[in-house]
Protein backbone atom coordinates (compact mmCIF):
# COMPACT_ATOMS: atom_id res chain seq x y z
CA MET A 1 0.52 0.09 0.24
CA ALA A 2 2.86 2.36 1.04
CA THR A 3 4.21 1.79 -2.71
CA ASP A 4 1.07 3.29 -4.11
CA THR A 5 0.95 6.12 -2.37
CA LEU A 6 4.43 7.12 -3.70
CA ALA A 7 3.55 5.72 -6.98
CA SER A 8 0.52 8.15 -7.19
CA SER A 9 2.31 11.42 -5.13
CA SER A 10 5.12 11.25 -8.14
CA HIS A 11 3.26 12.10 -11.27
CA HIS A 12 4.88 15.18 -13.05
CA CYS A 13 3.38 17.34 -15.57
CA GLU A 14 3.55 16.01 -18.92
CA ILE A 15 3.85 19.16 -20.89
CA VAL A 16 7.31 19.42 -23.21
CA LEU A 17 8.78 22.93 -23.30
CA VAL A 18 10.16 24.02 -26.66
CA GLN A 19 12.46 26.95 -27.25
CA GLY A 20 11.46 27.12 -30.89
CA THR A 21 10.92 25.50 -34.05
CA HIS A 22 14.36 24.37 -34.08
CA ASP A 23 14.20 22.65 -30.70
CA ALA A 24 13.06 19.11 -31.97
CA ASN A 25 12.88 17.55 -28.39
CA GLY A 26 12.27 20.30 -26.10
CA PHE A 27 12.42 19.04 -22.23
CA PRO A 28 9.64 17.82 -20.14
CA CYS A 29 7.99 20.73 -17.53
CA GLY A 30 8.99 18.16 -14.75
CA ARG A 31 6.76 20.04 -12.07
CA PRO A 32 4.46 17.69 -9.92
CA ALA A 33 0.93 17.08 -11.43
CA GLY A 34 -2.44 17.87 -9.61
CA GLU A 35 -4.73 17.36 -12.42
CA THR A 36 -5.47 15.57 -15.40
CA CYS A 37 -6.80 16.69 -19.01
CA SER A 38 -10.45 15.99 -19.41
CA ASP A 39 -9.48 15.40 -23.40
CA CYS A 40 -6.12 13.74 -23.91
CA GLY A 41 -5.80 12.84 -20.28
CA SER A 42 -2.16 14.27 -19.82
CA GLU A 43 -1.29 14.88 -16.52
CA LEU A 44 -0.89 18.76 -16.21
CA CYS A 45 1.10 20.91 -13.16
CA ASP A 46 -1.05 24.03 -12.06
CA LEU A 47 0.71 26.29 -14.76
CA HIS A 48 -0.53 24.15 -17.42
CA THR A 49 -4.19 23.89 -16.37
CA GLU A 50 -6.54 25.64 -18.06
CA VAL A 51 -10.13 25.54 -16.58
CA CYS A 52 -13.36 26.03 -18.65
CA GLU A 53 -15.17 28.57 -17.32
CA PHE A 54 -18.74 27.17 -18.93
CA CYS A 55 -17.82 23.20 -17.65
CA ASN A 56 -15.40 23.71 -14.91
CA GLN A 57 -13.51 21.02 -16.77
CA ALA A 58 -9.65 21.09 -16.56
CA PHE A 59 -7.88 20.98 -19.98
CA CYS A 60 -4.10 21.46 -21.34
CA SER A 61 -3.86 24.32 -23.45
CA MET A 62 -4.66 22.61 -26.63
CA CYS A 63 -7.53 20.80 -25.95
CA MET A 64 -8.57 23.89 -24.28
CA TRP A 65 -8.55 25.85 -27.47
CA LEU A 66 -10.20 22.85 -29.43
CA HIS A 67 -12.73 22.85 -26.45
CA LEU A 68 -13.91 26.11 -26.83
CA GLU A 69 -14.26 25.69 -30.42
CA LYS A 70 -16.98 23.13 -30.00
CA ALA A 71 -20.68 24.93 -30.15
CA ASP A 72 -22.26 23.22 -27.25
CA ALA A 73 -19.23 24.47 -25.16
CA LYS A 74 -19.77 28.16 -24.91
CA PRO A 75 -23.15 29.53 -23.85
CA ALA A 76 -26.03 30.73 -26.09
CA GLN A 77 -25.42 33.79 -27.38
CA PRO A 78 -27.86 35.97 -28.25
CA VAL A 79 -28.04 36.80 -32.14
CA SER A 80 -27.22 40.36 -32.88
CA ARG A 81 -29.99 42.59 -34.50
CA PRO A 82 -28.92 45.37 -36.59
CA GLU A 83 -29.92 48.77 -35.49
CA ARG A 84 -32.43 50.15 -37.77
CA LEU A 85 -31.26 53.21 -39.45
CA LYS A 86 -33.99 56.45 -38.10
CA ARG A 87 -34.61 58.17 -41.62
CA ARG A 88 -34.99 61.86 -41.31
CA ALA A 89 -37.53 63.85 -43.32
């Protein structure tokens, strides 16, 4: 049982940081993970976790962007109606 506790507390953020397009490998963030992305399942630290304000789920930045692109992820927006032009006589 003690091994299970140690194993579960040693999860690290799985986000890979790169310095630019020339950096083919990058390096792992390595910070302690406290969340899991609701879409891809990556372990995330507090710096790399984004929470959707509409559904309150945690995502990595790429999955958050994709999540917000879905129509059902956003609250319904009122249809804007063009203001009528008042004609002057």
